[in-house]
């Protein structure tokens, strides 16, 4: 595990709120020189603490009106290699997140699609054909109150 000091945590906190901060603005926000910020960022990237920078989009603005959570259970023999068991789903653009979970199911998928009809098609064409599929349960989000929030850094 990477050792993080208070300046690292301040850098991460500031970048999570605005990843487009210039090096000058970031150095002001965390009270370090631009060169110190640059070195710390390079180290955090190299050590995998910062995994990348991304763009958040508004799904409805792109015509993606339905967010669903799909719980999938597989035959236990398929769970020796969980990534392989659901590789076909992981490759789909509709799938924005996938987690192995505890409880009655093995996987939780977050799926974002255009409509309930598109969700139905996705379930029929992408989920149902999974080899070793045991059970599927789907919940549709009525509204999203928070998404992609920052991680606690201190």
N, C-alpha and C. Protein backbone atom coordinates (compact mmCIF):
# COMPACT_ATOMS: atom_id res chain seq x y z
N UNK A 1 0.83 -1.17 0.00
CA UNK A 1 0.00 0.00 0.00
C UNK A 1 0.89 1.25 0.00
N UNK A 2 0.49 2.22 -0.77
CA UNK A 2 1.24 3.46 -0.88
C UNK A 2 1.06 4.30 0.38
N UNK A 3 2.15 4.89 0.83
CA UNK A 3 2.08 5.79 1.97
C UNK A 3 1.69 7.18 1.48
N UNK A 4 0.62 7.71 2.04
CA UNK A 4 0.12 9.02 1.63
C UNK A 4 0.21 9.99 2.81
N UNK A 5 0.82 11.14 2.57
CA UNK A 5 0.86 12.15 3.62
C UNK A 5 -0.27 13.16 3.40
N UNK A 6 -0.33 14.18 4.24
CA UNK A 6 -1.45 15.13 4.17
C UNK A 6 -1.45 15.91 2.86
N UNK A 7 -0.27 16.15 2.28
CA UNK A 7 -0.24 16.87 1.01
C UNK A 7 -0.77 16.00 -0.13
N UNK A 8 -0.42 14.71 -0.10
CA UNK A 8 -0.96 13.78 -1.10
C UNK A 8 -2.49 13.75 -1.01
N UNK A 9 -2.99 13.67 0.22
CA UNK A 9 -4.44 13.62 0.42
C UNK A 9 -5.10 14.91 -0.04
N UNK A 10 -4.46 16.04 0.20
CA UNK A 10 -5.02 17.31 -0.26
C UNK A 10 -5.03 17.37 -1.79
N UNK A 11 -3.97 16.87 -2.43
CA UNK A 11 -3.91 16.82 -3.89
C UNK A 11 -5.07 15.97 -4.44
N UNK A 12 -5.22 14.79 -3.87
CA UNK A 12 -6.28 13.89 -4.33
C UNK A 12 -7.66 14.50 -4.11
N UNK A 13 -7.84 15.13 -2.98
CA UNK A 13 -9.12 15.78 -2.67
C UNK A 13 -9.43 16.85 -3.71
N UNK A 14 -8.46 17.70 -4.00
CA UNK A 14 -8.68 18.79 -4.96
C UNK A 14 -8.93 18.25 -6.37
N UNK A 15 -8.17 17.25 -6.78
CA UNK A 15 -8.33 16.71 -8.13
C UNK A 15 -9.64 15.96 -8.32
N UNK A 16 -10.13 15.33 -7.27
CA UNK A 16 -11.42 14.64 -7.39
C UNK A 16 -12.54 15.63 -7.63
N UNK A 17 -12.41 16.81 -7.12
CA UNK A 17 -13.44 17.82 -7.31
C UNK A 17 -13.31 18.55 -8.63
N UNK A 18 -12.08 18.65 -9.14
CA UNK A 18 -11.86 19.28 -10.45
C UNK A 18 -10.56 18.77 -11.03
N UNK A 19 -10.63 17.74 -11.85
CA UNK A 19 -9.44 17.13 -12.44
C UNK A 19 -8.80 18.02 -13.50
N UNK A 20 -9.47 19.12 -13.85
CA UNK A 20 -8.93 20.03 -14.86
C UNK A 20 -8.14 21.18 -14.25
N UNK A 21 -7.91 21.15 -12.95
CA UNK A 21 -7.11 22.20 -12.31
C UNK A 21 -5.74 22.29 -12.98
N UNK A 22 -5.30 23.50 -13.24
CA UNK A 22 -3.94 23.68 -13.74
C UNK A 22 -2.98 23.37 -12.61
N UNK A 23 -1.74 23.12 -12.97
CA UNK A 23 -0.73 22.84 -11.96
C UNK A 23 -0.59 24.03 -11.00
N UNK A 24 -0.69 25.25 -11.54
CA UNK A 24 -0.60 26.45 -10.69
C UNK A 24 -1.75 26.52 -9.70
N UNK A 25 -2.97 26.28 -10.17
CA UNK A 25 -4.13 26.32 -9.28
C UNK A 25 -4.06 25.20 -8.25
N UNK A 26 -3.61 24.03 -8.68
CA UNK A 26 -3.48 22.91 -7.76
C UNK A 26 -2.44 23.20 -6.68
N UNK A 27 -1.31 23.78 -7.09
CA UNK A 27 -0.27 24.08 -6.11
C UNK A 27 -0.75 25.10 -5.08
N UNK A 28 -1.56 26.08 -5.53
CA UNK A 28 -2.15 27.04 -4.58
C UNK A 28 -3.11 26.35 -3.63
N UNK A 29 -3.92 25.45 -4.16
CA UNK A 29 -4.93 24.78 -3.35
C UNK A 29 -4.32 23.92 -2.25
N UNK A 30 -3.14 23.35 -2.51
CA UNK A 30 -2.54 22.45 -1.53
C UNK A 30 -1.30 23.03 -0.85
N UNK A 31 -0.98 24.26 -1.16
CA UNK A 31 0.16 24.96 -0.54
C UNK A 31 1.50 24.27 -0.79
N UNK A 32 1.73 23.91 -2.04
CA UNK A 32 3.01 23.35 -2.48
C UNK A 32 3.43 24.07 -3.75
N UNK A 33 4.70 24.00 -4.07
CA UNK A 33 5.17 24.60 -5.31
C UNK A 33 4.69 23.74 -6.49
N UNK A 34 4.59 24.34 -7.67
CA UNK A 34 4.19 23.56 -8.84
C UNK A 34 5.10 22.35 -9.09
N UNK A 35 6.41 22.51 -8.89
CA UNK A 35 7.32 21.38 -9.12
C UNK A 35 7.08 20.25 -8.10
N UNK A 36 6.80 20.61 -6.84
CA UNK A 36 6.48 19.58 -5.84
C UNK A 36 5.18 18.87 -6.20
N UNK A 37 4.19 19.64 -6.63
CA UNK A 37 2.91 19.03 -7.05
C UNK A 37 3.13 18.07 -8.21
N UNK A 38 3.91 18.52 -9.18
CA UNK A 38 4.18 17.70 -10.36
C UNK A 38 4.85 16.39 -9.98
N UNK A 39 5.84 16.43 -9.11
CA UNK A 39 6.53 15.21 -8.67
C UNK A 39 5.58 14.28 -7.91
N UNK A 40 4.77 14.87 -7.04
CA UNK A 40 3.82 14.05 -6.28
C UNK A 40 2.78 13.40 -7.20
N UNK A 41 2.27 14.16 -8.15
CA UNK A 41 1.30 13.61 -9.09
C UNK A 41 1.90 12.46 -9.89
N UNK A 42 3.12 12.66 -10.37
CA UNK A 42 3.79 11.60 -11.13
C UNK A 42 3.94 10.34 -10.28
N UNK A 43 4.31 10.50 -9.00
CA UNK A 43 4.45 9.34 -8.11
C UNK A 43 3.10 8.66 -7.87
N UNK A 44 2.06 9.46 -7.63
CA UNK A 44 0.73 8.88 -7.38
C UNK A 44 0.20 8.15 -8.61
N UNK A 45 0.52 8.66 -9.78
CA UNK A 45 0.13 7.98 -11.02
C UNK A 45 0.93 6.69 -11.19
N UNK A 46 2.25 6.78 -11.00
CA UNK A 46 3.14 5.62 -11.16
C UNK A 46 2.76 4.50 -10.20
N UNK A 47 2.38 4.87 -8.97
CA UNK A 47 2.04 3.86 -7.95
C UNK A 47 0.59 3.38 -8.05
N UNK A 48 -0.16 3.94 -9.00
CA UNK A 48 -1.52 3.47 -9.23
C UNK A 48 -2.58 4.05 -8.33
N UNK A 49 -2.20 5.02 -7.47
CA UNK A 49 -3.21 5.67 -6.63
C UNK A 49 -4.14 6.47 -7.54
N UNK A 50 -3.56 7.22 -8.48
CA UNK A 50 -4.34 7.89 -9.52
C UNK A 50 -4.36 6.94 -10.71
N UNK A 51 -5.53 6.42 -11.03
CA UNK A 51 -5.65 5.43 -12.09
C UNK A 51 -5.92 6.06 -13.44
N UNK A 52 -6.25 7.31 -13.46
CA UNK A 52 -6.50 7.99 -14.72
C UNK A 52 -7.38 9.19 -14.49
N UNK A 53 -7.66 9.88 -15.56
CA UNK A 53 -8.52 11.06 -15.53
C UNK A 53 -9.65 10.79 -16.49
N UNK A 54 -10.87 11.16 -16.11
CA UNK A 54 -11.99 10.83 -16.97
C UNK A 54 -12.96 11.99 -17.08
N UNK A 55 -13.87 11.82 -17.99
CA UNK A 55 -14.90 12.80 -18.27
C UNK A 55 -16.23 12.21 -17.83
N UNK A 56 -17.00 12.94 -17.04
CA UNK A 56 -18.34 12.48 -16.63
C UNK A 56 -19.36 13.11 -17.56
N UNK A 57 -20.25 12.30 -18.06
CA UNK A 57 -21.29 12.75 -18.98
C UNK A 57 -22.65 12.61 -18.32
N UNK A 58 -23.61 13.39 -18.79
CA UNK A 58 -24.97 13.33 -18.30
C UNK A 58 -25.73 12.32 -19.16
N UNK A 59 -26.06 11.14 -18.63
CA UNK A 59 -26.73 10.12 -19.44
C UNK A 59 -27.99 10.61 -20.17
N UNK A 60 -28.92 11.31 -19.48
CA UNK A 60 -30.11 11.77 -20.21
C UNK A 60 -29.79 12.69 -21.39
N UNK A 61 -28.74 13.48 -21.28
CA UNK A 61 -28.37 14.36 -22.39
C UNK A 61 -27.93 13.56 -23.61
N UNK A 62 -27.55 12.31 -23.40
CA UNK A 62 -27.14 11.43 -24.49
C UNK A 62 -28.25 10.47 -24.89
N UNK A 63 -29.45 10.68 -24.34
CA UNK A 63 -30.56 9.79 -24.65
C UNK A 63 -30.56 8.50 -23.86
N UNK A 64 -29.79 8.44 -22.79
CA UNK A 64 -29.70 7.25 -21.95
C UNK A 64 -30.53 7.50 -20.70
N UNK A 65 -31.79 7.08 -20.75
CA UNK A 65 -32.76 7.45 -19.73
C UNK A 65 -32.92 6.42 -18.61
N UNK A 66 -32.38 5.22 -18.79
CA UNK A 66 -32.62 4.15 -17.82
C UNK A 66 -31.29 3.64 -17.25
N UNK A 67 -31.20 3.68 -15.92
CA UNK A 67 -30.09 3.07 -15.20
C UNK A 67 -30.66 1.88 -14.44
N UNK A 68 -30.04 0.72 -14.65
CA UNK A 68 -30.52 -0.49 -13.99
C UNK A 68 -29.36 -1.20 -13.30
N UNK A 69 -29.71 -1.91 -12.25
CA UNK A 69 -28.74 -2.72 -11.53
C UNK A 69 -29.16 -4.17 -11.71
N UNK A 70 -28.29 -4.96 -12.27
CA UNK A 70 -28.60 -6.35 -12.60
C UNK A 70 -27.75 -7.24 -11.71
N UNK A 71 -28.43 -8.05 -10.92
CA UNK A 71 -27.77 -9.01 -10.05
C UNK A 71 -27.76 -10.36 -10.77
N UNK A 72 -26.59 -10.97 -10.86
CA UNK A 72 -26.43 -12.22 -11.60
C UNK A 72 -25.80 -13.26 -10.69
N UNK A 73 -26.39 -14.46 -10.71
CA UNK A 73 -25.81 -15.62 -10.03
C UNK A 73 -25.39 -16.62 -11.08
N UNK A 74 -24.22 -17.18 -10.89
CA UNK A 74 -23.67 -18.17 -11.81
C UNK A 74 -23.57 -19.50 -11.11
N UNK A 75 -23.55 -20.58 -11.90
CA UNK A 75 -23.24 -21.88 -11.33
C UNK A 75 -21.88 -21.78 -10.65
N UNK A 76 -21.77 -22.35 -9.49
CA UNK A 76 -20.54 -22.18 -8.70
C UNK A 76 -19.30 -22.67 -9.45
N UNK A 77 -19.44 -23.62 -10.35
CA UNK A 77 -18.28 -24.10 -11.12
C UNK A 77 -17.70 -23.01 -12.01
N UNK A 78 -18.50 -22.00 -12.36
CA UNK A 78 -18.03 -20.89 -13.20
C UNK A 78 -17.31 -19.82 -12.37
N UNK A 79 -17.41 -19.90 -11.06
CA UNK A 79 -16.87 -18.84 -10.21
C UNK A 79 -15.38 -19.00 -9.88
N UNK A 80 -14.75 -20.05 -10.41
CA UNK A 80 -13.31 -20.18 -10.22
C UNK A 80 -12.56 -19.08 -10.97
N UNK A 81 -13.16 -18.61 -12.05
CA UNK A 81 -12.60 -17.53 -12.86
C UNK A 81 -13.72 -16.54 -13.14
N UNK A 82 -14.06 -15.72 -12.14
CA UNK A 82 -15.24 -14.85 -12.28
C UNK A 82 -15.17 -13.89 -13.46
N UNK A 83 -14.01 -13.36 -13.77
CA UNK A 83 -13.87 -12.42 -14.89
C UNK A 83 -14.25 -13.11 -16.20
N UNK A 84 -13.80 -14.34 -16.35
CA UNK A 84 -14.12 -15.10 -17.57
C UNK A 84 -15.60 -15.43 -17.65
N UNK A 85 -16.24 -15.66 -16.50
CA UNK A 85 -17.65 -16.05 -16.49
C UNK A 85 -18.54 -14.97 -17.10
N UNK A 86 -18.13 -13.72 -16.96
CA UNK A 86 -18.96 -12.61 -17.43
C UNK A 86 -18.24 -11.73 -18.45
N UNK A 87 -17.20 -12.26 -19.08
CA UNK A 87 -16.38 -11.48 -20.01
C UNK A 87 -17.21 -10.83 -21.11
N UNK A 88 -18.22 -11.54 -21.61
CA UNK A 88 -19.05 -10.99 -22.69
C UNK A 88 -19.80 -9.74 -22.22
N UNK A 89 -20.25 -9.74 -20.98
CA UNK A 89 -20.94 -8.56 -20.45
C UNK A 89 -19.97 -7.41 -20.19
N UNK A 90 -18.79 -7.73 -19.71
CA UNK A 90 -17.81 -6.69 -19.41
C UNK A 90 -17.40 -5.92 -20.66
N UNK A 91 -17.52 -6.55 -21.81
CA UNK A 91 -17.14 -5.91 -23.07
C UNK A 91 -18.24 -5.00 -23.63
N UNK A 92 -19.42 -5.02 -23.04
CA UNK A 92 -20.55 -4.25 -23.55
C UNK A 92 -20.50 -2.80 -23.04
N UNK A 93 -20.76 -1.84 -23.94
CA UNK A 93 -20.76 -0.44 -23.57
C UNK A 93 -21.88 -0.09 -22.58
N UNK A 94 -22.96 -0.84 -22.59
CA UNK A 94 -24.07 -0.57 -21.68
C UNK A 94 -23.67 -0.79 -20.22
N UNK A 95 -22.69 -1.65 -19.99
CA UNK A 95 -22.23 -1.97 -18.64
C UNK A 95 -21.21 -0.92 -18.21
N UNK A 96 -21.58 -0.12 -17.20
CA UNK A 96 -20.67 0.92 -16.73
C UNK A 96 -19.91 0.51 -15.48
N UNK A 97 -20.40 -0.50 -14.77
CA UNK A 97 -19.72 -1.01 -13.58
C UNK A 97 -20.05 -2.48 -13.41
N UNK A 98 -19.13 -3.22 -12.81
CA UNK A 98 -19.38 -4.61 -12.45
C UNK A 98 -18.61 -4.90 -11.17
N UNK A 99 -19.31 -5.55 -10.25
CA UNK A 99 -18.71 -5.90 -8.96
C UNK A 99 -19.06 -7.34 -8.63
N UNK A 100 -18.12 -8.09 -8.02
CA UNK A 100 -18.51 -9.34 -7.39
C UNK A 100 -19.04 -8.93 -6.02
N UNK A 101 -20.09 -9.62 -5.57
CA UNK A 101 -20.76 -9.21 -4.34
C UNK A 101 -21.04 -10.41 -3.43
N UNK A 102 -21.30 -10.09 -2.18
CA UNK A 102 -21.71 -11.11 -1.22
C UNK A 102 -23.23 -11.23 -1.26
N UNK A 103 -23.74 -12.25 -0.65
CA UNK A 103 -25.20 -12.41 -0.57
C UNK A 103 -25.71 -13.45 -1.55
N UNK A 104 -26.92 -13.23 -2.03
CA UNK A 104 -27.60 -14.22 -2.86
C UNK A 104 -27.11 -14.26 -4.31
N UNK A 105 -26.36 -13.26 -4.73
CA UNK A 105 -25.89 -13.20 -6.11
C UNK A 105 -24.37 -13.10 -6.14
N UNK A 106 -23.81 -13.31 -7.31
CA UNK A 106 -22.36 -13.28 -7.47
C UNK A 106 -21.84 -11.97 -8.04
N UNK A 107 -22.64 -11.33 -8.92
CA UNK A 107 -22.22 -10.12 -9.60
C UNK A 107 -23.30 -9.06 -9.51
N UNK A 108 -22.85 -7.81 -9.52
CA UNK A 108 -23.75 -6.67 -9.64
C UNK A 108 -23.25 -5.83 -10.80
N UNK A 109 -24.11 -5.63 -11.80
CA UNK A 109 -23.79 -4.82 -12.96
C UNK A 109 -24.61 -3.54 -12.92
N UNK A 110 -23.98 -2.43 -13.22
CA UNK A 110 -24.70 -1.18 -13.45
C UNK A 110 -24.76 -1.01 -14.96
N UNK A 111 -25.97 -0.84 -15.46
CA UNK A 111 -26.21 -0.76 -16.90
C UNK A 111 -26.96 0.53 -17.18
N UNK A 112 -26.54 1.26 -18.21
CA UNK A 112 -27.22 2.49 -18.61
C UNK A 112 -27.63 2.34 -20.07
N UNK A 113 -28.94 2.48 -20.32
CA UNK A 113 -29.49 2.28 -21.67
C UNK A 113 -30.54 3.34 -21.99
N UNK A 114 -30.99 3.32 -23.23
CA UNK A 114 -31.92 4.33 -23.72
C UNK A 114 -33.32 4.24 -23.12
N UNK A 115 -33.80 3.02 -22.92
CA UNK A 115 -35.21 2.84 -22.54
C UNK A 115 -35.41 1.50 -21.86
N UNK A 116 -36.62 1.30 -21.34
CA UNK A 116 -36.94 -0.01 -20.76
C UNK A 116 -36.91 -1.09 -21.83
N UNK A 117 -37.30 -0.74 -23.04
CA UNK A 117 -37.22 -1.69 -24.15
C UNK A 117 -35.78 -2.10 -24.43
N UNK A 118 -34.88 -1.13 -24.39
CA UNK A 118 -33.46 -1.44 -24.60
C UNK A 118 -32.92 -2.30 -23.47
N UNK A 119 -33.41 -2.07 -22.25
CA UNK A 119 -33.00 -2.91 -21.12
C UNK A 119 -33.49 -4.34 -21.33
N UNK A 120 -34.72 -4.48 -21.76
CA UNK A 120 -35.28 -5.80 -22.03
C UNK A 120 -34.47 -6.53 -23.09
N UNK A 121 -34.11 -5.82 -24.14
CA UNK A 121 -33.29 -6.41 -25.21
C UNK A 121 -31.92 -6.80 -24.68
N UNK A 122 -31.32 -5.94 -23.87
CA UNK A 122 -30.01 -6.24 -23.28
C UNK A 122 -30.08 -7.51 -22.44
N UNK A 123 -31.11 -7.62 -21.61
CA UNK A 123 -31.26 -8.80 -20.76
C UNK A 123 -31.42 -10.07 -21.61
N UNK A 124 -32.22 -9.96 -22.66
CA UNK A 124 -32.48 -11.13 -23.51
C UNK A 124 -31.27 -11.51 -24.36
N UNK A 125 -30.58 -10.52 -24.89
CA UNK A 125 -29.50 -10.81 -25.83
C UNK A 125 -28.12 -10.93 -25.19
N UNK A 126 -27.91 -10.26 -24.08
CA UNK A 126 -26.57 -10.26 -23.48
C UNK A 126 -26.49 -11.05 -22.18
N UNK A 127 -27.52 -10.97 -21.35
CA UNK A 127 -27.44 -11.63 -20.04
C UNK A 127 -27.94 -13.08 -20.12
N UNK A 128 -29.12 -13.29 -20.66
CA UNK A 128 -29.70 -14.63 -20.69
C UNK A 128 -28.82 -15.69 -21.34
N UNK A 129 -28.07 -15.36 -22.40
CA UNK A 129 -27.23 -16.39 -23.02
C UNK A 129 -25.95 -16.75 -22.26
N UNK A 130 -25.67 -16.09 -21.13
CA UNK A 130 -24.43 -16.38 -20.40
C UNK A 130 -24.36 -17.85 -20.04
N UNK A 131 -23.23 -18.46 -20.34
CA UNK A 131 -23.01 -19.86 -20.02
C UNK A 131 -22.88 -20.00 -18.50
N UNK A 132 -23.68 -20.86 -17.90
CA UNK A 132 -23.63 -21.08 -16.47
C UNK A 132 -24.51 -20.15 -15.66
N UNK A 133 -25.37 -19.39 -16.35
CA UNK A 133 -26.27 -18.47 -15.66
C UNK A 133 -27.23 -19.24 -14.77
N UNK A 134 -27.33 -18.81 -13.52
CA UNK A 134 -28.22 -19.48 -12.57
C UNK A 134 -29.45 -18.62 -12.25
N UNK A 135 -29.24 -17.31 -12.02
CA UNK A 135 -30.35 -16.45 -11.65
C UNK A 135 -30.02 -15.01 -12.02
N UNK A 136 -31.07 -14.24 -12.33
CA UNK A 136 -30.93 -12.82 -12.66
C UNK A 136 -32.03 -12.06 -11.93
N UNK A 137 -31.67 -10.93 -11.33
CA UNK A 137 -32.64 -10.02 -10.73
C UNK A 137 -32.26 -8.61 -11.17
N UNK A 138 -33.24 -7.83 -11.56
CA UNK A 138 -32.98 -6.49 -12.07
C UNK A 138 -33.76 -5.46 -11.28
N UNK A 139 -33.10 -4.37 -10.95
CA UNK A 139 -33.76 -3.23 -10.32
C UNK A 139 -33.45 -2.00 -11.14
N UNK A 140 -34.48 -1.22 -11.44
CA UNK A 140 -34.32 0.00 -12.22
C UNK A 140 -34.29 1.19 -11.27
N UNK A 141 -33.33 2.06 -11.46
CA UNK A 141 -33.23 3.28 -10.65
C UNK A 141 -34.33 4.24 -11.07
N UNK A 142 -35.05 4.77 -10.12
CA UNK A 142 -36.09 5.75 -10.40
C UNK A 142 -35.48 7.13 -10.62
N UNK A 143 -34.44 7.45 -9.86
CA UNK A 143 -33.76 8.73 -9.96
C UNK A 143 -32.37 8.55 -9.39
N UNK A 144 -31.41 9.29 -9.91
CA UNK A 144 -30.04 9.23 -9.39
C UNK A 144 -29.78 10.49 -8.58
N UNK A 145 -29.53 10.31 -7.30
CA UNK A 145 -29.31 11.45 -6.41
C UNK A 145 -27.83 11.80 -6.27
N UNK A 146 -26.96 10.80 -6.46
CA UNK A 146 -25.51 11.04 -6.42
C UNK A 146 -24.84 9.94 -7.22
N UNK A 147 -23.88 10.33 -8.02
CA UNK A 147 -23.17 9.36 -8.82
C UNK A 147 -21.73 9.83 -9.00
N UNK A 148 -20.79 8.92 -8.94
CA UNK A 148 -19.40 9.25 -9.18
C UNK A 148 -18.82 10.24 -8.20
N UNK A 149 -19.32 10.20 -6.98
CA UNK A 149 -18.83 11.13 -5.96
C UNK A 149 -17.38 10.88 -5.61
N UNK A 150 -16.75 11.85 -5.01
CA UNK A 150 -15.34 11.68 -4.64
C UNK A 150 -15.18 10.67 -3.51
N UNK A 151 -14.02 10.02 -3.49
CA UNK A 151 -13.69 9.10 -2.41
C UNK A 151 -13.19 9.89 -1.21
N UNK A 152 -13.42 9.35 -0.04
CA UNK A 152 -12.94 10.00 1.19
C UNK A 152 -11.42 9.95 1.18
N UNK A 153 -10.78 11.10 1.37
CA UNK A 153 -9.32 11.17 1.31
C UNK A 153 -8.71 11.64 2.62
N UNK A 154 -9.47 11.73 3.63
CA UNK A 154 -8.85 12.17 4.88
C UNK A 154 -9.82 12.31 6.00
